[in-house]
Amino acid sequence: MVDPRLLEILVCPGCKGELEYRTEGKESLICHGCALVFPVRDDIPVMLMDEAEPVKDQ
């Protein structure tokens, strides 16, 4: 689980928008503005545009 203090300051590296933290399924951070999903690996958010994946329809 990502430290809540870190979640308060993280923003999307692309648009600087807010991120939604999801723990269901794969732990991830979602930018709705860019429609990207950033992975969380070993409780560390990977905030690299090259690592992000497009949001899939749910």
C-alpha atoms as a PDB file:
ATOM      1  CA  MET A   1       0.000   0.000   0.000  1.00  0.00           C
ATOM      2  CA  VAL A   2       1.308   3.434  -0.982  1.00  0.00           C
ATOM      3  CA  ASP A   3       1.962   5.875   1.872  1.00  0.00           C
ATOM      4  CA  PRO A   4      -1.057   8.230   2.127  1.00  0.00           C
ATOM      5  CA  ARG A   5       1.276  11.234   2.551  1.00  0.00           C
ATOM      6  CA  LEU A   6       2.848  10.432  -0.811  1.00  0.00           C
ATOM      7  CA  LEU A   7      -0.562  10.105  -2.463  1.00  0.00           C
ATOM      8  CA  GLU A   8      -1.409  13.649  -1.322  1.00  0.00           C
ATOM      9  CA  ILE A   9       1.456  15.174  -3.322  1.00  0.00           C
ATOM     10  CA  LEU A  10       1.618  12.942  -6.408  1.00  0.00           C
ATOM     11  CA  VAL A  11       0.254  14.324  -9.672  1.00  0.00           C
ATOM     12  CA  CYS A  12       0.220  13.074 -13.237  1.00  0.00           C
ATOM     13  CA  PRO A  13       3.602  13.743 -14.891  1.00  0.00           C
ATOM     14  CA  GLY A  14       1.813  14.568 -18.156  1.00  0.00           C
ATOM     15  CA  CYS A  15      -0.955  17.012 -17.257  1.00  0.00           C
ATOM     16  CA  LYS A  16      -0.189  17.636 -13.547  1.00  0.00           C
ATOM     17  CA  GLY A  17      -3.749  16.493 -12.764  1.00  0.00           C
ATOM     18  CA  GLU A  18      -5.005  14.574  -9.758  1.00  0.00           C
ATOM     19  CA  LEU A  19      -4.618  10.811  -9.578  1.00  0.00           C
ATOM     20  CA  GLU A  20      -7.060   8.176  -8.383  1.00  0.00           C
ATOM     21  CA  TYR A  21      -5.510   5.426  -6.282  1.00  0.00           C
ATOM     22  CA  ARG A  22      -6.936   1.951  -6.900  1.00  0.00           C
ATOM     23  CA  THR A  23      -6.149  -1.159  -4.939  1.00  0.00           C
ATOM     24  CA  GLU A  24      -8.614  -3.575  -6.561  1.00  0.00           C
ATOM     25  CA  GLY A  25      -6.911  -5.924  -8.977  1.00  0.00           C
ATOM     26  CA  LYS A  26      -3.541  -4.439  -9.789  1.00  0.00           C
ATOM     27  CA  GLU A  27      -2.560  -1.584  -7.495  1.00  0.00           C
ATOM     28  CA  SER A  28      -2.381   1.533  -9.687  1.00  0.00           C
ATOM     29  CA  LEU A  29      -2.788   5.278 -10.033  1.00  0.00           C
ATOM     30  CA  ILE A  30      -5.155   6.579 -12.695  1.00  0.00           C
ATOM     31  CA  CYS A  31      -5.113   9.954 -14.437  1.00  0.00           C
ATOM     32  CA  HIS A  32      -8.570  10.549 -15.882  1.00  0.00           C
ATOM     33  CA  GLY A  33      -7.367  13.650 -17.758  1.00  0.00           C
ATOM     34  CA  CYS A  34      -4.763  11.741 -19.764  1.00  0.00           C
ATOM     35  CA  ALA A  35      -6.638   8.411 -19.585  1.00  0.00           C
ATOM     36  CA  LEU A  36      -3.504   6.664 -18.323  1.00  0.00           C
ATOM     37  CA  VAL A  37      -2.848   4.053 -15.658  1.00  0.00           C
ATOM     38  CA  PHE A  38       0.438   4.211 -13.757  1.00  0.00           C
ATOM     39  CA  PRO A  39       1.549   0.957 -12.089  1.00  0.00           C
ATOM     40  CA  VAL A  40       2.519   0.554  -8.448  1.00  0.00           C
ATOM     41  CA  ARG A  41       5.310  -1.960  -7.871  1.00  0.00           C
ATOM     42  CA  ASP A  42       6.371  -3.032  -4.381  1.00  0.00           C
ATOM     43  CA  ASP A  43       4.386  -0.111  -2.911  1.00  0.00           C
ATOM     44  CA  ILE A  44       6.235   2.391  -5.125  1.00  0.00           C
ATOM     45  CA  PRO A  45       4.319   4.355  -7.790  1.00  0.00           C
ATOM     46  CA  VAL A  46       6.057   4.210 -11.171  1.00  0.00           C
ATOM     47  CA  MET A  47       5.366   7.712 -12.487  1.00  0.00           C
ATOM     48  CA  LEU A  48       7.051   7.379 -15.884  1.00  0.00           C
ATOM     49  CA  MET A  49       5.061   8.167 -19.022  1.00  0.00           C
ATOM     50  CA  ASP A  50       6.769   5.242 -20.789  1.00  0.00           C
ATOM     51  CA  GLU A  51       5.452   2.840 -18.112  1.00  0.00           C
ATOM     52  CA  ALA A  52       1.864   4.091 -18.221  1.00  0.00           C
ATOM     53  CA  GLU A  53      -0.861   2.176 -20.056  1.00  0.00           C
ATOM     54  CA  PRO A  54      -4.101   3.478 -21.533  1.00  0.00           C
ATOM     55  CA  VAL A  55      -7.197   3.191 -19.347  1.00  0.00           C
ATOM     56  CA  LYS A  56      -9.277   0.202 -20.411  1.00  0.00           C
ATOM     57  CA  ASP A  57     -13.071   0.375 -20.463  1.00  0.00           C
ATOM     58  CA  GLN A  58     -14.477  -1.081 -17.285  1.00  0.00           C
END
